[in-house]
Amino acid sequence: MKENTEMDNIIISSADTEIGLIDEKKKTCFVISPLGHANSETRRAADGLINSVIKPVLEAIGFAVIAPHEIENPGSITNQVIKYLLNADLVVANLTELNPNVMYELAVRHAKRLPVVCVVEDRTVLPFDIATERTIFYTNDMAGVVELGQKIGKMAIEALHETEPDNPIYRVVDSQIMQEAILNKGGDNVQAYIINSITDLSNQINNLSANFKTVFKPSNIDHNNMLGQRSIYTINYTVTISKKESHLQLADEEKVMHAILKTGKVFHIDPPVWGSDGKLKITFGLSKSLDIDRVVGDLVANGYLVAYSPS
């Protein structure tokens, strides 16, 4: 208990020093996150992130923080979640595990064009349509708690100060406005739009460059260097992938690699090998045996036949 208190003080002190308190009126922060069942690894990770980082930091600068599983009001939980998404001053989205519910809720928030701060566990491969969004990548350990605490409060304040938050939905809206300007008005409106679009594109490229080192894609893997990370703490597996009623395609290779890498616990991964029988074989190392169950479960849920064994 004493250690947790000291850790909270470190995070809160850092947040106060860098960005100060917000307004005298308490604002609402709604957290969207993968939750899983009670006492599951997913729930424990989510609660740890909320209770050890998000709440201490944001409450210290004036937010009331609430998560979906903490809503006590009677009625439809879905309706209440959507109301929070549409009305909360800030939403913190935990994209770890790329949970479909979280992605849906993020889209609802984007549609309202309100402030969002996205966080995700290091080595998660984000979907291409949100890969360039401002996202805090964190490491799930004690040092990572401190680092995330120092960043999340600052980004929360920055998000609140944005007059027109940028997101993929409103880029499409702006594009439609551009087309209407060309067809109906032309002139200065078109020129202003082009200048703004170039500025936005430059900002996105800068953000992508800053986060590129944390995006863990198969094409970026230095297999020779990663082999040096193998140790007695790594469990190596070889999985063989096939489909029951059809042949595997190159697109399947990307899906399989994604399922493996999104655990965030991969120490190394060898290049995929295609067999003469059309099956795909991949060897990789994980930090614990529980992670292989998650990988296999994900692949089976997506229609693949999976055989695996320690290697």
C-alpha atoms as a PDB file:
ATOM      1  CA  MET A   1       0.000   0.000   0.000  1.00  0.00           C
ATOM      2  CA  LYS A   2       2.818   2.388   0.858  1.00  0.00           C
ATOM      3  CA  GLU A   3       4.532   1.742  -2.455  1.00  0.00           C
ATOM      4  CA  ASN A   4       1.321   2.480  -4.391  1.00  0.00           C
ATOM      5  CA  THR A   5       0.858   5.769  -2.532  1.00  0.00           C
ATOM      6  CA  GLU A   6       4.396   6.873  -3.334  1.00  0.00           C
ATOM      7  CA  MET A   7       3.908   5.942  -6.985  1.00  0.00           C
ATOM      8  CA  ASP A   8       0.670   7.965  -7.142  1.00  0.00           C
ATOM      9  CA  ASN A   9       2.435  10.958  -5.604  1.00  0.00           C
ATOM     10  CA  ILE A  10       5.186  10.778  -8.201  1.00  0.00           C
ATOM     11  CA  ILE A  11       2.666  10.740 -11.048  1.00  0.00           C
ATOM     12  CA  ILE A  12       0.427  13.469  -9.649  1.00  0.00           C
ATOM     13  CA  SER A  13       3.346  15.722  -8.762  1.00  0.00           C
ATOM     14  CA  SER A  14       4.741  15.373 -12.280  1.00  0.00           C
ATOM     15  CA  ALA A  15       1.371  16.178 -13.867  1.00  0.00           C
ATOM     16  CA  ASP A  16       0.845  19.243 -11.639  1.00  0.00           C
ATOM     17  CA  THR A  17       4.309  20.572 -12.327  1.00  0.00           C
ATOM     18  CA  GLU A  18       4.095  20.301 -16.104  1.00  0.00           C
ATOM     19  CA  ILE A  19       0.533  21.403 -16.839  1.00  0.00           C
ATOM     20  CA  GLY A  20      -1.096  22.708 -13.667  1.00  0.00           C
ATOM     21  CA  LEU A  21      -4.734  22.283 -12.680  1.00  0.00           C
ATOM     22  CA  ILE A  22      -7.481  22.857 -15.234  1.00  0.00           C
ATOM     23  CA  ASP A  23     -10.507  25.021 -14.414  1.00  0.00           C
ATOM     24  CA  GLU A  24     -12.206  25.404 -11.067  1.00  0.00           C
ATOM     25  CA  LYS A  25     -15.205  23.481 -12.459  1.00  0.00           C
ATOM     26  CA  LYS A  26     -14.688  19.701 -12.383  1.00  0.00           C
ATOM     27  CA  LYS A  27     -14.838  18.131 -15.831  1.00  0.00           C
ATOM     28  CA  THR A  28     -15.851  14.596 -16.760  1.00  0.00           C
ATOM     29  CA  CYS A  29     -13.458  12.059 -18.259  1.00  0.00           C
ATOM     30  CA  PHE A  30     -14.961   8.829 -19.574  1.00  0.00           C
ATOM     31  CA  VAL A  31     -12.620   5.853 -20.072  1.00  0.00           C
ATOM     32  CA  ILE A  32     -13.270   3.287 -22.792  1.00  0.00           C
ATOM     33  CA  SER A  33     -11.240   0.102 -22.516  1.00  0.00           C
ATOM     34  CA  PRO A  34     -11.286  -3.650 -23.118  1.00  0.00           C
ATOM     35  CA  LEU A  35     -12.765  -5.119 -19.936  1.00  0.00           C
ATOM     36  CA  GLY A  36     -13.222  -8.873 -20.235  1.00  0.00           C
ATOM     37  CA  HIS A  37     -14.763 -10.929 -17.480  1.00  0.00           C
ATOM     38  CA  ALA A  38     -14.224 -10.254 -13.792  1.00  0.00           C
ATOM     39  CA  ASN A  39     -10.752 -11.379 -12.653  1.00  0.00           C
ATOM     40  CA  SER A  40      -9.651 -12.021 -16.244  1.00  0.00           C
ATOM     41  CA  GLU A  41      -6.201 -10.892 -17.373  1.00  0.00           C
ATOM     42  CA  THR A  42      -7.874  -8.256 -19.546  1.00  0.00           C
ATOM     43  CA  ARG A  43      -9.922  -6.865 -16.639  1.00  0.00           C
ATOM     44  CA  ARG A  44      -6.936  -6.790 -14.290  1.00  0.00           C
ATOM     45  CA  ALA A  45      -4.839  -4.952 -16.867  1.00  0.00           C
ATOM     46  CA  ALA A  46      -7.641  -2.454 -17.559  1.00  0.00           C
ATOM     47  CA  ASP A  47      -8.328  -1.788 -13.867  1.00  0.00           C
ATOM     48  CA  GLY A  48      -4.612  -1.429 -13.203  1.00  0.00           C
ATOM     49  CA  LEU A  49      -4.269   1.189 -15.924  1.00  0.00           C
ATOM     50  CA  ILE A  50      -7.359   3.096 -14.764  1.00  0.00           C
ATOM     51  CA  ASN A  51      -6.674   2.981 -11.027  1.00  0.00           C
ATOM     52  CA  SER A  52      -2.882   3.403 -11.100  1.00  0.00           C
ATOM     53  CA  VAL A  53      -2.504   6.004 -13.844  1.00  0.00           C
ATOM     54  CA  ILE A  54      -5.606   7.512 -15.418  1.00  0.00           C
ATOM     55  CA  LYS A  55      -7.577   8.294 -12.249  1.00  0.00           C
ATOM     56  CA  PRO A  56      -4.712   9.611 -10.084  1.00  0.00           C
ATOM     57  CA  VAL A  57      -3.379  11.906 -12.793  1.00  0.00           C
ATOM     58  CA  LEU A  58      -6.647  13.256 -14.169  1.00  0.00           C
ATOM     59  CA  GLU A  59      -8.407  13.595 -10.814  1.00  0.00           C
ATOM     60  CA  ALA A  60      -5.408  15.601  -9.583  1.00  0.00           C
ATOM     61  CA  ILE A  61      -5.946  18.157 -12.351  1.00  0.00           C
ATOM     62  CA  GLY A  62      -9.692  18.465 -11.901  1.00  0.00           C
ATOM     63  CA  PHE A  63     -11.417  15.595 -13.713  1.00  0.00           C
ATOM     64  CA  ALA A  64     -14.072  13.211 -12.450  1.00  0.00           C
ATOM     65  CA  VAL A  65     -13.067   9.899 -14.052  1.00  0.00           C
ATOM     66  CA  ILE A  66     -15.517   7.087 -14.752  1.00  0.00           C
ATOM     67  CA  ALA A  67     -15.326   3.786 -16.659  1.00  0.00           C
ATOM     68  CA  PRO A  68     -18.249   1.781 -18.135  1.00  0.00           C
ATOM     69  CA  HIS A  69     -18.119  -0.971 -15.500  1.00  0.00           C
ATOM     70  CA  GLU A  70     -18.285   1.674 -12.782  1.00  0.00           C
ATOM     71  CA  ILE A  71     -21.601   3.173 -13.917  1.00  0.00           C
ATOM     72  CA  GLU A  72     -24.069   2.644 -11.092  1.00  0.00           C
ATOM     73  CA  ASN A  73     -27.217   4.206 -12.551  1.00  0.00           C
ATOM     74  CA  PRO A  74     -29.972   1.720 -13.477  1.00  0.00           C
ATOM     75  CA  GLY A  75     -30.961   1.292 -17.116  1.00  0.00           C
ATOM     76  CA  SER A  76     -29.348   0.231 -20.360  1.00  0.00           C
ATOM     77  CA  ILE A  77     -25.568   0.238 -20.019  1.00  0.00           C
ATOM     78  CA  THR A  78     -25.239   0.764 -23.785  1.00  0.00           C
ATOM     79  CA  ASN A  79     -27.399   3.900 -23.692  1.00  0.00           C
ATOM     80  CA  GLN A  80     -25.448   5.293 -20.755  1.00  0.00           C
ATOM     81  CA  VAL A  81     -22.094   4.580 -22.421  1.00  0.00           C
ATOM     82  CA  ILE A  82     -23.196   6.420 -25.563  1.00  0.00           C
ATOM     83  CA  LYS A  83     -24.420   9.374 -23.483  1.00  0.00           C
ATOM     84  CA  TYR A  84     -21.008   9.618 -21.853  1.00  0.00           C
ATOM     85  CA  LEU A  85     -19.318   9.362 -25.245  1.00  0.00           C
ATOM     86  CA  LEU A  86     -21.451  12.223 -26.558  1.00  0.00           C
ATOM     87  CA  ASN A  87     -21.303  14.470 -23.502  1.00  0.00           C
ATOM     88  CA  ALA A  88     -18.098  13.874 -21.502  1.00  0.00           C
ATOM     89  CA  ASP A  89     -15.529  16.667 -21.628  1.00  0.00           C
ATOM     90  CA  LEU A  90     -12.799  14.132 -22.387  1.00  0.00           C
ATOM     91  CA  VAL A  91     -12.578  10.482 -23.404  1.00  0.00           C
ATOM     92  CA  VAL A  92      -9.505   8.343 -22.775  1.00  0.00           C
ATOM     93  CA  ALA A  93      -9.492   5.354 -25.144  1.00  0.00           C
ATOM     94  CA  ASN A  94      -7.391   2.313 -24.267  1.00  0.00           C
ATOM     95  CA  LEU A  95      -6.791   0.649 -27.659  1.00  0.00           C
ATOM     96  CA  THR A  96      -4.856  -2.306 -26.237  1.00  0.00           C
ATOM     97  CA  GLU A  97      -6.087  -5.654 -27.684  1.00  0.00           C
ATOM     98  CA  LEU A  98      -7.876  -3.687 -30.466  1.00  0.00           C
ATOM     99  CA  ASN A  99     -11.213  -4.512 -28.830  1.00  0.00           C
ATOM    100  CA  PRO A 100     -14.182  -4.132 -31.279  1.00  0.00           C
ATOM    101  CA  ASN A 101     -16.357  -2.406 -28.665  1.00  0.00           C
ATOM    102  CA  VAL A 102     -13.637   0.151 -27.988  1.00  0.00           C
ATOM    103  CA  MET A 103     -13.246   0.810 -31.722  1.00  0.00           C
ATOM    104  CA  TYR A 104     -17.003   1.352 -32.072  1.00  0.00           C
ATOM    105  CA  GLU A 105     -17.064   3.692 -29.072  1.00  0.00           C
ATOM    106  CA  LEU A 106     -14.076   5.617 -30.445  1.00  0.00           C
ATOM    107  CA  ALA A 107     -15.949   6.085 -33.729  1.00  0.00           C
ATOM    108  CA  VAL A 108     -18.975   7.460 -31.853  1.00  0.00           C
ATOM    109  CA  ARG A 109     -16.725   9.960 -30.098  1.00  0.00           C
ATOM    110  CA  HIS A 110     -15.012  10.906 -33.349  1.00  0.00           C
ATOM    111  CA  ALA A 111     -18.399  11.521 -34.970  1.00  0.00           C
ATOM    112  CA  LYS A 112     -19.135  14.174 -32.304  1.00  0.00           C
ATOM    113  CA  ARG A 113     -15.685  15.737 -32.847  1.00  0.00           C
ATOM    114  CA  LEU A 114     -14.887  15.970 -29.150  1.00  0.00           C
ATOM    115  CA  PRO A 115     -11.519  15.611 -27.349  1.00  0.00           C
ATOM    116  CA  VAL A 116      -9.981  12.122 -27.167  1.00  0.00           C
ATOM    117  CA  VAL A 117      -6.706  10.853 -25.734  1.00  0.00           C
ATOM    118  CA  CYS A 118      -5.693   7.403 -27.015  1.00  0.00           C
ATOM    119  CA  VAL A 119      -3.330   5.085 -25.149  1.00  0.00           C
ATOM    120  CA  VAL A 120      -2.137   1.645 -26.183  1.00  0.00           C
ATOM    121  CA  GLU A 121       0.310  -0.944 -24.886  1.00  0.00           C
ATOM    122  CA  ASP A 122       3.658  -0.881 -26.629  1.00  0.00           C
ATOM    123  CA  ARG A 123       4.081  -3.106 -29.724  1.00  0.00           C
ATOM    124  CA  THR A 124       0.371  -3.040 -30.568  1.00  0.00           C
ATOM    125  CA  VAL A 125      -0.089  -2.730 -34.343  1.00  0.00           C
ATOM    126  CA  LEU A 126      -2.842  -0.156 -34.815  1.00  0.00           C
ATOM    127  CA  PRO A 127      -5.290  -0.452 -37.756  1.00  0.00           C
ATOM    128  CA  PHE A 128      -4.231   1.700 -40.683  1.00  0.00           C
ATOM    129  CA  ASP A 129      -7.146   4.148 -40.378  1.00  0.00           C
ATOM    130  CA  ILE A 130      -6.104   5.258 -36.873  1.00  0.00           C
ATOM    131  CA  ALA A 131      -2.378   4.497 -37.059  1.00  0.00           C
ATOM    132  CA  THR A 132      -1.525   8.176 -37.645  1.00  0.00           C
ATOM    133  CA  GLU A 133      -3.663   9.485 -34.764  1.00  0.00           C
ATOM    134  CA  ARG A 134      -1.933  10.923 -31.713  1.00  0.00           C
ATOM    135  CA  THR A 135      -1.536   7.945 -29.404  1.00  0.00           C
ATOM    136  CA  ILE A 136       0.491   7.391 -26.243  1.00  0.00           C
ATOM    137  CA  PHE A 137       2.321   4.058 -26.390  1.00  0.00           C
ATOM    138  CA  TYR A 138       3.137   2.693 -22.933  1.00  0.00           C
ATOM    139  CA  THR A 139       5.026  -0.232 -21.428  1.00  0.00           C
ATOM    140  CA  ASN A 140       3.045  -2.334 -18.957  1.00  0.00           C
ATOM    141  CA  ASP A 141       5.476  -2.249 -16.037  1.00  0.00           C
ATOM    142  CA  MET A 142       6.279   0.005 -13.066  1.00  0.00           C
ATOM    143  CA  ALA A 143       8.520   2.339 -15.060  1.00  0.00           C
ATOM    144  CA  GLY A 144       5.864   2.489 -17.752  1.00  0.00           C
ATOM    145  CA  VAL A 145       3.306   3.657 -15.172  1.00  0.00           C
ATOM    146  CA  VAL A 146       5.449   6.679 -14.320  1.00  0.00           C
ATOM    147  CA  GLU A 147       6.172   7.486 -17.980  1.00  0.00           C
ATOM    148  CA  LEU A 148       2.495   7.239 -18.959  1.00  0.00           C
ATOM    149  CA  GLY A 149       1.446   9.367 -15.992  1.00  0.00           C
ATOM    150  CA  GLN A 150       3.797  12.131 -17.125  1.00  0.00           C
ATOM    151  CA  LYS A 151       2.311  12.161 -20.627  1.00  0.00           C
ATOM    152  CA  ILE A 152      -1.401  11.559 -20.202  1.00  0.00           C
ATOM    153  CA  GLY A 153      -2.222  14.657 -18.150  1.00  0.00           C
ATOM    154  CA  LYS A 154      -0.395  16.943 -20.545  1.00  0.00           C
ATOM    155  CA  MET A 155      -2.115  15.448 -23.569  1.00  0.00           C
ATOM    156  CA  ALA A 156      -5.501  15.706 -21.811  1.00  0.00           C
ATOM    157  CA  ILE A 157      -5.069  19.464 -21.395  1.00  0.00           C
ATOM    158  CA  GLU A 158      -3.895  19.837 -24.988  1.00  0.00           C
ATOM    159  CA  ALA A 159      -6.935  17.902 -26.213  1.00  0.00           C
ATOM    160  CA  LEU A 160      -9.324  20.141 -24.268  1.00  0.00           C
ATOM    161  CA  HIS A 161      -7.756  23.252 -25.769  1.00  0.00           C
ATOM    162  CA  GLU A 162      -8.238  22.091 -29.358  1.00  0.00           C
ATOM    163  CA  THR A 163     -11.066  24.051 -30.956  1.00  0.00           C
ATOM    164  CA  GLU A 164     -11.547  21.564 -33.799  1.00  0.00           C
ATOM    165  CA  PRO A 165     -10.219  18.094 -32.842  1.00  0.00           C
ATOM    166  CA  ASP A 166      -8.939  16.190 -35.847  1.00  0.00           C
ATOM    167  CA  ASN A 167     -10.023  12.622 -36.595  1.00  0.00           C
ATOM    168  CA  PRO A 168     -10.593  10.341 -39.624  1.00  0.00           C
ATOM    169  CA  ILE A 169     -14.347  11.050 -39.787  1.00  0.00           C
ATOM    170  CA  TYR A 170     -13.900  14.799 -40.006  1.00  0.00           C
ATOM    171  CA  ARG A 171     -11.206  14.488 -42.608  1.00  0.00           C
ATOM    172  CA  VAL A 172     -13.850  12.912 -44.842  1.00  0.00           C
ATOM    173  CA  VAL A 173     -16.259  15.707 -43.925  1.00  0.00           C
ATOM    174  CA  ASP A 174     -13.619  18.309 -44.810  1.00  0.00           C
ATOM    175  CA  SER A 175     -13.004  16.522 -48.103  1.00  0.00           C
ATOM    176  CA  GLN A 176     -16.695  16.760 -48.920  1.00  0.00           C
ATOM    177  CA  ILE A 177     -16.606  20.479 -48.083  1.00  0.00           C
ATOM    178  CA  MET A 178     -13.686  20.819 -50.494  1.00  0.00           C
ATOM    179  CA  GLN A 179     -15.675  19.203 -53.289  1.00  0.00           C
ATOM    180  CA  GLU A 180     -18.641  21.485 -52.623  1.00  0.00           C
ATOM    181  CA  ALA A 181     -16.347  24.523 -52.599  1.00  0.00           C
ATOM    182  CA  ILE A 182     -14.967  23.565 -56.004  1.00  0.00           C
ATOM    183  CA  LEU A 183     -18.419  22.994 -57.473  1.00  0.00           C
ATOM    184  CA  ASN A 184     -20.224  25.947 -55.922  1.00  0.00           C
ATOM    185  CA  LYS A 185     -17.862  28.678 -54.733  1.00  0.00           C
ATOM    186  CA  GLY A 186     -14.299  28.186 -55.909  1.00  0.00           C
ATOM    187  CA  GLY A 187     -11.700  30.913 -55.431  1.00  0.00           C
ATOM    188  CA  ASP A 188     -10.398  31.726 -51.969  1.00  0.00           C
ATOM    189  CA  ASN A 189     -12.297  28.890 -50.246  1.00  0.00           C
ATOM    190  CA  VAL A 190     -10.448  26.295 -52.286  1.00  0.00           C
ATOM    191  CA  GLN A 191      -7.062  27.911 -51.696  1.00  0.00           C
ATOM    192  CA  ALA A 192      -7.641  28.127 -47.929  1.00  0.00           C
ATOM    193  CA  TYR A 193      -8.726  24.496 -47.808  1.00  0.00           C
ATOM    194  CA  ILE A 194      -5.638  23.330 -49.697  1.00  0.00           C
ATOM    195  CA  ILE A 195      -3.322  25.254 -47.351  1.00  0.00           C
ATOM    196  CA  ASN A 196      -5.037  23.810 -44.272  1.00  0.00           C
ATOM    197  CA  SER A 197      -4.921  20.298 -45.731  1.00  0.00           C
ATOM    198  CA  ILE A 198      -1.176  20.562 -46.400  1.00  0.00           C
ATOM    199  CA  THR A 199      -0.611  21.757 -42.832  1.00  0.00           C
ATOM    200  CA  ASP A 200      -2.680  18.878 -41.430  1.00  0.00           C
ATOM    201  CA  LEU A 201      -0.777  16.381 -43.579  1.00  0.00           C
ATOM    202  CA  SER A 202       2.542  17.744 -42.335  1.00  0.00           C
ATOM    203  CA  ASN A 203       1.401  17.376 -38.722  1.00  0.00           C
ATOM    204  CA  GLN A 204       0.288  13.793 -39.350  1.00  0.00           C
ATOM    205  CA  ILE A 205       3.636  12.905 -40.901  1.00  0.00           C
ATOM    206  CA  ASN A 206       5.468  14.360 -37.904  1.00  0.00           C
ATOM    207  CA  ASN A 207       3.266  12.406 -35.495  1.00  0.00           C
ATOM    208  CA  LEU A 208       3.780   9.226 -37.487  1.00  0.00           C
ATOM    209  CA  SER A 209       7.538   9.703 -37.476  1.00  0.00           C
ATOM    210  CA  ALA A 210       7.553  10.240 -33.723  1.00  0.00           C
ATOM    211  CA  ASN A 211       5.558   7.072 -33.080  1.00  0.00           C
ATOM    212  CA  PHE A 212       7.105   4.946 -35.814  1.00  0.00           C
ATOM    213  CA  LYS A 213       9.670   3.370 -33.528  1.00  0.00           C
ATOM    214  CA  THR A 214       6.878   1.931 -31.366  1.00  0.00           C
ATOM    215  CA  VAL A 215       4.776   0.545 -34.203  1.00  0.00           C
ATOM    216  CA  PHE A 216       5.813  -3.099 -34.402  1.00  0.00           C
ATOM    217  CA  LYS A 217       5.094  -4.300 -37.933  1.00  0.00           C
ATOM    218  CA  PRO A 218       6.334  -7.511 -39.549  1.00  0.00           C
ATOM    219  CA  SER A 219       8.153  -5.530 -42.248  1.00  0.00           C
ATOM    220  CA  ASN A 220      10.090  -3.617 -39.579  1.00  0.00           C
ATOM    221  CA  ILE A 221      11.403  -6.638 -37.694  1.00  0.00           C
ATOM    222  CA  ASP A 222      15.157  -7.119 -37.623  1.00  0.00           C
ATOM    223  CA  HIS A 223      15.062 -10.874 -37.196  1.00  0.00           C
ATOM    224  CA  ASN A 224      18.800 -11.232 -36.637  1.00  0.00           C
ATOM    225  CA  ASN A 225      18.879  -8.665 -33.822  1.00  0.00           C
ATOM    226  CA  MET A 226      15.750 -10.038 -32.196  1.00  0.00           C
ATOM    227  CA  LEU A 227      17.233 -13.491 -31.997  1.00  0.00           C
ATOM    228  CA  GLY A 228      19.592 -12.103 -29.365  1.00  0.00           C
ATOM    229  CA  GLN A 229      16.609 -11.436 -27.091  1.00  0.00           C
ATOM    230  CA  ARG A 230      15.867 -15.141 -26.650  1.00  0.00           C
ATOM    231  CA  SER A 231      16.459 -16.245 -23.092  1.00  0.00           C
ATOM    232  CA  ILE A 232      15.414 -18.790 -20.543  1.00  0.00           C
ATOM    233  CA  TYR A 233      12.313 -16.631 -19.976  1.00  0.00           C
ATOM    234  CA  THR A 234      11.123 -17.043 -23.560  1.00  0.00           C
ATOM    235  CA  ILE A 235       8.816 -19.885 -24.615  1.00  0.00           C
ATOM    236  CA  ASN A 236       9.184 -20.652 -28.318  1.00  0.00           C
ATOM    237  CA  TYR A 237       6.258 -21.963 -30.382  1.00  0.00           C
ATOM    238  CA  THR A 238       5.732 -23.025 -33.953  1.00  0.00           C
ATOM    239  CA  VAL A 239       2.204 -22.617 -35.294  1.00  0.00           C
ATOM    240  CA  THR A 240       0.914 -24.138 -38.532  1.00  0.00           C
ATOM    241  CA  ILE A 241      -2.060 -22.342 -40.086  1.00  0.00           C
ATOM    242  CA  SER A 242      -4.537 -23.581 -42.686  1.00  0.00           C
ATOM    243  CA  LYS A 243      -8.166 -23.196 -43.695  1.00  0.00           C
ATOM    244  CA  LYS A 244     -10.765 -25.942 -43.823  1.00  0.00           C
ATOM    245  CA  GLU A 245     -12.548 -25.069 -47.055  1.00  0.00           C
ATOM    246  CA  SER A 246     -10.177 -22.735 -48.889  1.00  0.00           C
ATOM    247  CA  HIS A 247      -6.515 -21.960 -49.521  1.00  0.00           C
ATOM    248  CA  LEU A 248      -4.587 -19.361 -47.590  1.00  0.00           C
ATOM    249  CA  GLN A 249      -3.867 -16.058 -49.322  1.00  0.00           C
ATOM    250  CA  LEU A 250      -1.146 -13.472 -48.746  1.00  0.00           C
ATOM    251  CA  ALA A 251      -3.721 -11.394 -46.859  1.00  0.00           C
ATOM    252  CA  ASP A 252      -4.044 -14.264 -44.389  1.00  0.00           C
ATOM    253  CA  GLU A 253      -0.345 -13.985 -43.579  1.00  0.00           C
ATOM    254  CA  GLU A 254      -0.853 -10.386 -42.473  1.00  0.00           C
ATOM    255  CA  LYS A 255      -3.857 -11.343 -40.327  1.00  0.00           C
ATOM    256  CA  VAL A 256      -1.953 -14.163 -38.651  1.00  0.00           C
ATOM    257  CA  MET A 257       1.069 -11.956 -37.947  1.00  0.00           C
ATOM    258  CA  HIS A 258      -1.243  -9.321 -36.501  1.00  0.00           C
ATOM    259  CA  ALA A 259      -2.883 -11.852 -34.172  1.00  0.00           C
ATOM    260  CA  ILE A 260       0.543 -12.869 -32.880  1.00  0.00           C
ATOM    261  CA  LEU A 261       2.003  -9.397 -32.494  1.00  0.00           C
ATOM    262  CA  LYS A 262      -0.991  -7.754 -30.843  1.00  0.00           C
ATOM    263  CA  THR A 263      -0.367  -9.715 -27.640  1.00  0.00           C
ATOM    264  CA  GLY A 264       2.473  -7.245 -27.051  1.00  0.00           C
ATOM    265  CA  LYS A 265       4.509 -10.050 -25.486  1.00  0.00           C
ATOM    266  CA  VAL A 266       6.475 -11.291 -28.526  1.00  0.00           C
ATOM    267  CA  PHE A 267      10.224 -11.526 -27.890  1.00  0.00           C
ATOM    268  CA  HIS A 268      11.094 -12.591 -31.407  1.00  0.00           C
ATOM    269  CA  ILE A 269       9.405 -13.842 -34.563  1.00  0.00           C
ATOM    270  CA  ASP A 270      10.925 -15.670 -37.510  1.00  0.00           C
ATOM    271  CA  PRO A 271       9.947 -14.983 -41.112  1.00  0.00           C
ATOM    272  CA  PRO A 272       6.781 -16.887 -42.162  1.00  0.00           C
ATOM    273  CA  VAL A 273       7.358 -20.073 -44.153  1.00  0.00           C
ATOM    274  CA  TRP A 274       4.879 -21.266 -46.791  1.00  0.00           C
ATOM    275  CA  GLY A 275       4.791 -25.031 -47.196  1.00  0.00           C
ATOM    276  CA  SER A 276       4.210 -26.905 -50.444  1.00  0.00           C
ATOM    277  CA  ASP A 277       0.864 -27.978 -48.986  1.00  0.00           C
ATOM    278  CA  GLY A 278      -0.270 -24.336 -48.836  1.00  0.00           C
ATOM    279  CA  LYS A 279      -0.002 -24.132 -45.062  1.00  0.00           C
ATOM    280  CA  LEU A 280       1.683 -21.252 -43.252  1.00  0.00           C
ATOM    281  CA  LYS A 281       4.253 -21.962 -40.539  1.00  0.00           C
ATOM    282  CA  ILE A 282       5.549 -19.310 -38.109  1.00  0.00           C
ATOM    283  CA  THR A 283       7.946 -19.659 -35.183  1.00  0.00           C
ATOM    284  CA  PHE A 284       7.980 -17.028 -32.425  1.00  0.00           C
ATOM    285  CA  GLY A 285       8.785 -16.568 -28.751  1.00  0.00           C
ATOM    286  CA  LEU A 286       6.367 -15.473 -26.013  1.00  0.00           C
ATOM    287  CA  SER A 287       6.920 -14.443 -22.417  1.00  0.00           C
ATOM    288  CA  LYS A 288       4.411 -16.905 -20.933  1.00  0.00           C
ATOM    289  CA  SER A 289       2.329 -19.907 -21.948  1.00  0.00           C
ATOM    290  CA  LEU A 290      -0.961 -18.091 -21.393  1.00  0.00           C
ATOM    291  CA  ASP A 291      -0.267 -15.867 -24.401  1.00  0.00           C
ATOM    292  CA  ILE A 292      -0.263 -18.783 -26.856  1.00  0.00           C
ATOM    293  CA  ASP A 293      -3.844 -19.557 -25.825  1.00  0.00           C
ATOM    294  CA  ARG A 294      -4.829 -16.008 -26.701  1.00  0.00           C
ATOM    295  CA  VAL A 295      -3.117 -16.214 -30.090  1.00  0.00           C
ATOM    296  CA  VAL A 296      -4.676 -19.579 -30.968  1.00  0.00           C
ATOM    297  CA  GLY A 297      -8.104 -18.507 -29.729  1.00  0.00           C
ATOM    298  CA  ASP A 298      -7.986 -15.373 -31.858  1.00  0.00           C
ATOM    299  CA  LEU A 299      -6.952 -17.315 -34.966  1.00  0.00           C
ATOM    300  CA  VAL A 300      -9.611 -19.997 -34.475  1.00  0.00           C
ATOM    301  CA  ALA A 301     -12.268 -17.313 -33.963  1.00  0.00           C
ATOM    302  CA  ASN A 302     -11.276 -15.896 -37.355  1.00  0.00           C
ATOM    303  CA  GLY A 303     -11.816 -19.217 -39.122  1.00  0.00           C
ATOM    304  CA  TYR A 304      -8.312 -20.668 -39.188  1.00  0.00           C
ATOM    305  CA  LEU A 305      -7.239 -24.223 -38.382  1.00  0.00           C
ATOM    306  CA  VAL A 306      -4.300 -24.053 -35.976  1.00  0.00           C
ATOM    307  CA  ALA A 307      -1.759 -26.638 -34.862  1.00  0.00           C
ATOM    308  CA  TYR A 308       1.043 -25.580 -32.543  1.00  0.00           C
ATOM    309  CA  SER A 309       3.824 -27.014 -30.446  1.00  0.00           C
ATOM    310  CA  PRO A 310       6.804 -25.769 -28.419  1.00  0.00           C
ATOM    311  CA  SER A 311       9.927 -25.514 -30.512  1.00  0.00           C
END
